[in-house]
N, C-alpha and C. Protein backbone atom coordinates (compact mmCIF):
# COMPACT_ATOMS: atom_id res chain seq x y z
N MET A 1 128.07 55.17 43.23
CA MET A 1 128.47 55.87 42.03
C MET A 1 129.68 56.76 42.29
N ASP A 2 129.82 57.28 43.49
CA ASP A 2 130.97 58.11 43.83
C ASP A 2 132.28 57.34 43.65
N LYS A 3 132.26 56.08 44.04
CA LYS A 3 133.46 55.26 43.91
C LYS A 3 133.85 55.11 42.44
N VAL A 4 132.87 54.87 41.58
CA VAL A 4 133.14 54.73 40.15
C VAL A 4 133.69 56.03 39.58
N MET A 5 133.10 57.14 39.96
CA MET A 5 133.57 58.43 39.45
C MET A 5 135.00 58.72 39.92
N ARG A 6 135.29 58.39 41.15
CA ARG A 6 136.64 58.59 41.69
C ARG A 6 137.64 57.69 40.96
N MET A 7 137.28 56.42 40.81
CA MET A 7 138.17 55.47 40.15
C MET A 7 138.39 55.83 38.68
N SER A 8 137.34 56.30 38.02
CA SER A 8 137.44 56.60 36.59
C SER A 8 138.25 57.86 36.30
N SER A 9 138.47 58.66 37.32
CA SER A 9 139.22 59.90 37.15
C SER A 9 140.67 59.80 37.61
N GLU A 10 141.08 58.62 38.09
CA GLU A 10 142.43 58.45 38.63
C GLU A 10 143.53 58.69 37.60
N LYS A 11 143.31 58.23 36.39
CA LYS A 11 144.30 58.33 35.32
C LYS A 11 143.59 58.76 34.04
N GLY A 12 144.36 59.00 32.99
CA GLY A 12 143.80 59.46 31.73
C GLY A 12 142.87 58.47 31.07
N VAL A 13 143.27 57.20 31.04
CA VAL A 13 142.44 56.15 30.44
C VAL A 13 142.24 55.06 31.49
N VAL A 14 140.97 54.79 31.79
CA VAL A 14 140.61 53.80 32.81
C VAL A 14 139.60 52.83 32.19
N ILE A 15 139.84 51.54 32.42
CA ILE A 15 138.93 50.51 31.92
C ILE A 15 138.48 49.64 33.09
N PHE A 16 137.17 49.51 33.24
CA PHE A 16 136.59 48.58 34.21
C PHE A 16 136.37 47.26 33.49
N THR A 17 136.87 46.17 34.08
CA THR A 17 136.82 44.86 33.42
C THR A 17 136.42 43.78 34.41
N LYS A 18 136.31 42.57 33.86
CA LYS A 18 136.18 41.35 34.65
C LYS A 18 137.16 40.33 34.08
N ASP A 19 137.69 39.49 34.95
CA ASP A 19 138.66 38.47 34.52
C ASP A 19 138.14 37.59 33.39
N SER A 20 136.89 37.22 33.45
CA SER A 20 136.34 36.24 32.52
C SER A 20 135.79 36.84 31.23
N CYS A 21 135.94 38.14 31.03
CA CYS A 21 135.34 38.83 29.89
C CYS A 21 136.32 38.93 28.73
N CYS A 22 136.04 38.21 27.63
CA CYS A 22 136.95 38.24 26.48
C CYS A 22 136.90 39.60 25.77
N LEU A 23 135.77 40.29 25.80
CA LEU A 23 135.69 41.62 25.19
C LEU A 23 136.51 42.63 25.98
N CYS A 24 136.57 42.45 27.28
CA CYS A 24 137.41 43.30 28.11
C CYS A 24 138.87 43.16 27.69
N TYR A 25 139.27 41.93 27.47
CA TYR A 25 140.64 41.65 27.06
C TYR A 25 140.92 42.30 25.70
N ALA A 26 139.98 42.18 24.77
CA ALA A 26 140.14 42.75 23.43
C ALA A 26 140.30 44.28 23.49
N VAL A 27 139.52 44.93 24.33
CA VAL A 27 139.60 46.39 24.47
C VAL A 27 140.95 46.78 25.09
N GLN A 28 141.40 46.01 26.08
CA GLN A 28 142.70 46.29 26.69
C GLN A 28 143.82 46.19 25.65
N ILE A 29 143.77 45.15 24.82
CA ILE A 29 144.78 44.95 23.78
C ILE A 29 144.75 46.09 22.77
N LEU A 30 143.56 46.54 22.39
CA LEU A 30 143.44 47.66 21.47
C LEU A 30 144.18 48.88 22.01
N PHE A 31 143.92 49.22 23.26
CA PHE A 31 144.57 50.40 23.85
C PHE A 31 146.08 50.20 23.93
N ARG A 32 146.52 49.03 24.28
CA ARG A 32 147.96 48.79 24.33
C ARG A 32 148.59 48.87 22.94
N ASP A 33 147.88 48.36 21.92
CA ASP A 33 148.37 48.47 20.55
C ASP A 33 148.43 49.93 20.09
N LEU A 34 147.58 50.76 20.68
CA LEU A 34 147.58 52.19 20.37
C LEU A 34 148.55 52.96 21.28
N ARG A 35 149.37 52.23 22.00
CA ARG A 35 150.41 52.78 22.89
C ARG A 35 149.85 53.57 24.07
N VAL A 36 148.76 53.05 24.61
CA VAL A 36 148.19 53.64 25.82
C VAL A 36 148.22 52.56 26.89
N GLN A 37 148.70 52.91 28.07
CA GLN A 37 148.71 51.98 29.20
C GLN A 37 147.57 52.38 30.14
N PRO A 38 146.38 51.80 29.92
CA PRO A 38 145.24 52.18 30.75
C PRO A 38 145.35 51.63 32.16
N THR A 39 144.68 52.30 33.06
CA THR A 39 144.51 51.76 34.41
C THR A 39 143.36 50.78 34.33
N ILE A 40 143.59 49.57 34.79
CA ILE A 40 142.58 48.51 34.71
C ILE A 40 142.02 48.25 36.11
N HIS A 41 140.70 48.31 36.22
CA HIS A 41 140.03 47.93 37.47
C HIS A 41 139.22 46.66 37.20
N GLU A 42 139.71 45.54 37.72
CA GLU A 42 138.98 44.28 37.59
C GLU A 42 137.95 44.24 38.70
N ILE A 43 136.72 44.53 38.35
CA ILE A 43 135.71 44.72 39.38
C ILE A 43 135.28 43.42 40.05
N ASP A 44 135.52 42.27 39.40
CA ASP A 44 135.15 41.02 40.06
C ASP A 44 136.04 40.74 41.26
N ASN A 45 137.14 41.47 41.39
CA ASN A 45 138.01 41.35 42.56
C ASN A 45 137.70 42.40 43.62
N ASP A 46 136.69 43.20 43.38
CA ASP A 46 136.32 44.28 44.30
C ASP A 46 135.11 43.84 45.13
N PRO A 47 135.14 44.05 46.44
CA PRO A 47 133.99 43.67 47.26
C PRO A 47 132.70 44.42 46.89
N ASP A 48 132.84 45.56 46.22
CA ASP A 48 131.67 46.34 45.79
C ASP A 48 131.29 46.07 44.33
N CYS A 49 131.62 44.89 43.83
CA CYS A 49 131.42 44.55 42.42
C CYS A 49 130.00 44.86 41.93
N ARG A 50 128.99 44.40 42.63
CA ARG A 50 127.59 44.60 42.21
C ARG A 50 127.24 46.08 42.13
N GLU A 51 127.65 46.83 43.12
CA GLU A 51 127.36 48.27 43.14
C GLU A 51 128.08 48.99 42.00
N ILE A 52 129.31 48.57 41.70
CA ILE A 52 130.07 49.17 40.60
C ILE A 52 129.37 48.87 39.27
N GLU A 53 128.93 47.63 39.09
CA GLU A 53 128.22 47.26 37.86
C GLU A 53 126.96 48.11 37.69
N LYS A 54 126.19 48.24 38.74
CA LYS A 54 124.96 49.04 38.68
C LYS A 54 125.27 50.49 38.35
N ALA A 55 126.31 51.03 38.96
CA ALA A 55 126.69 52.43 38.71
C ALA A 55 127.12 52.63 37.26
N LEU A 56 127.86 51.67 36.71
CA LEU A 56 128.30 51.78 35.31
C LEU A 56 127.11 51.77 34.36
N VAL A 57 126.13 50.93 34.64
CA VAL A 57 124.93 50.88 33.81
C VAL A 57 124.15 52.20 33.94
N ARG A 58 124.04 52.71 35.16
CA ARG A 58 123.35 54.00 35.37
C ARG A 58 124.04 55.14 34.64
N LEU A 59 125.36 55.06 34.52
CA LEU A 59 126.11 56.10 33.82
C LEU A 59 125.92 56.03 32.30
N GLY A 60 125.40 54.89 31.82
CA GLY A 60 125.13 54.79 30.39
C GLY A 60 125.76 53.63 29.66
N CYS A 61 126.48 52.77 30.36
CA CYS A 61 127.05 51.60 29.71
C CYS A 61 125.94 50.61 29.37
N THR A 62 125.94 50.12 28.15
CA THR A 62 124.95 49.11 27.79
C THR A 62 125.26 47.80 28.51
N ASN A 63 126.53 47.49 28.64
CA ASN A 63 127.00 46.37 29.46
C ASN A 63 127.92 46.97 30.51
N ALA A 64 127.92 46.39 31.68
CA ALA A 64 128.74 46.96 32.76
C ALA A 64 130.23 46.95 32.42
N VAL A 65 130.68 45.90 31.73
CA VAL A 65 132.09 45.81 31.35
C VAL A 65 132.21 45.34 29.91
N PRO A 66 133.24 45.73 29.21
CA PRO A 66 134.21 46.72 29.63
C PRO A 66 133.59 48.12 29.60
N ALA A 67 134.01 48.95 30.51
CA ALA A 67 133.59 50.35 30.54
C ALA A 67 134.84 51.20 30.45
N VAL A 68 134.92 52.01 29.41
CA VAL A 68 136.12 52.79 29.15
C VAL A 68 135.85 54.26 29.45
N PHE A 69 136.76 54.84 30.22
CA PHE A 69 136.71 56.26 30.55
C PHE A 69 137.99 56.91 30.05
N VAL A 70 137.85 58.08 29.42
CA VAL A 70 139.00 58.87 28.99
C VAL A 70 138.83 60.25 29.58
N SER A 71 139.84 60.70 30.27
CA SER A 71 139.80 62.01 30.96
C SER A 71 138.62 62.11 31.91
N GLY A 72 138.27 60.99 32.55
CA GLY A 72 137.19 60.97 33.53
C GLY A 72 135.80 60.93 32.92
N LYS A 73 135.71 60.85 31.59
CA LYS A 73 134.40 60.82 30.92
C LYS A 73 134.16 59.45 30.31
N LEU A 74 132.93 58.97 30.45
CA LEU A 74 132.58 57.67 29.90
C LEU A 74 132.62 57.71 28.38
N VAL A 75 133.42 56.83 27.79
CA VAL A 75 133.44 56.66 26.34
C VAL A 75 132.41 55.60 25.96
N GLY A 76 132.35 54.54 26.76
CA GLY A 76 131.37 53.48 26.51
C GLY A 76 131.98 52.11 26.66
N SER A 77 131.31 51.17 26.04
CA SER A 77 131.72 49.78 26.10
C SER A 77 132.38 49.40 24.76
N THR A 78 132.46 48.13 24.48
CA THR A 78 133.16 47.65 23.29
C THR A 78 132.64 48.28 22.01
N ASN A 79 131.33 48.30 21.82
CA ASN A 79 130.76 48.85 20.58
C ASN A 79 131.15 50.30 20.36
N GLU A 80 131.04 51.10 21.39
CA GLU A 80 131.36 52.52 21.26
C GLU A 80 132.86 52.73 20.99
N VAL A 81 133.70 51.98 21.70
CA VAL A 81 135.14 52.11 21.52
C VAL A 81 135.54 51.69 20.11
N MET A 82 135.02 50.56 19.64
CA MET A 82 135.36 50.08 18.29
C MET A 82 134.83 51.02 17.22
N SER A 83 133.64 51.56 17.42
CA SER A 83 133.08 52.52 16.46
C SER A 83 133.95 53.77 16.37
N LEU A 84 134.39 54.27 17.53
CA LEU A 84 135.28 55.43 17.54
C LEU A 84 136.60 55.11 16.83
N HIS A 85 137.11 53.92 17.07
CA HIS A 85 138.38 53.53 16.46
C HIS A 85 138.24 53.42 14.94
N LEU A 86 137.18 52.77 14.48
CA LEU A 86 136.99 52.58 13.04
C LEU A 86 136.71 53.90 12.32
N SER A 87 136.11 54.85 13.00
CA SER A 87 135.83 56.15 12.39
C SER A 87 137.03 57.10 12.46
N GLY A 88 138.08 56.68 13.16
CA GLY A 88 139.27 57.52 13.29
C GLY A 88 139.18 58.53 14.42
N SER A 89 138.18 58.41 15.27
CA SER A 89 137.97 59.38 16.35
C SER A 89 138.62 58.98 17.67
N LEU A 90 139.04 57.73 17.81
CA LEU A 90 139.59 57.27 19.08
C LEU A 90 141.01 57.81 19.31
N VAL A 91 141.85 57.74 18.31
CA VAL A 91 143.25 58.15 18.48
C VAL A 91 143.36 59.62 18.91
N PRO A 92 142.64 60.55 18.27
CA PRO A 92 142.74 61.94 18.76
C PRO A 92 142.28 62.09 20.22
N LEU A 93 141.32 61.27 20.62
CA LEU A 93 140.81 61.33 21.99
C LEU A 93 141.86 60.87 23.01
N ILE A 94 142.64 59.87 22.64
CA ILE A 94 143.61 59.30 23.57
C ILE A 94 145.03 59.81 23.35
N LYS A 95 145.22 60.65 22.35
CA LYS A 95 146.56 61.14 22.00
C LYS A 95 147.36 61.66 23.20
N PRO A 96 146.74 62.43 24.12
CA PRO A 96 147.54 62.92 25.27
C PRO A 96 148.08 61.80 26.16
N TYR A 97 147.54 60.59 26.02
CA TYR A 97 147.92 59.49 26.91
C TYR A 97 148.77 58.44 26.20
N GLN A 98 149.10 58.69 24.94
CA GLN A 98 149.93 57.74 24.21
C GLN A 98 151.38 57.88 24.63
N SER A 99 152.05 56.74 24.69
CA SER A 99 153.47 56.69 25.00
C SER A 99 154.19 56.13 23.80
N PHE A 100 155.25 56.77 23.41
CA PHE A 100 155.98 56.28 22.26
C PHE A 100 157.31 55.66 22.66
N HIS A 101 157.39 55.33 23.95
CA HIS A 101 158.59 54.63 24.47
C HIS A 101 158.34 53.14 24.36
N ASN A 102 159.40 52.40 24.10
CA ASN A 102 159.27 50.94 24.01
C ASN A 102 159.41 50.31 25.36
């Protein structure tokens, strides 16, 4: 769990993903469309993949991936991120990390 906490605090917006996960891709595109360049950790390329998945579930993710962290705090998986976005609560949360450069 220490590794996950360290990795999730590296940058403002961090997403744990897997190569084969279409929902991971959708969440990444959402953040990019909102002008945020998240740090992406593809855990299937990490030798500690199983331990990372278990840690993410212990932290409260319903599914291990995608797992989105903002300012080092778990936001959640696809459902939580989309709910925040639809309610208008996601943009204020990520505003400090938005880039308006092309």
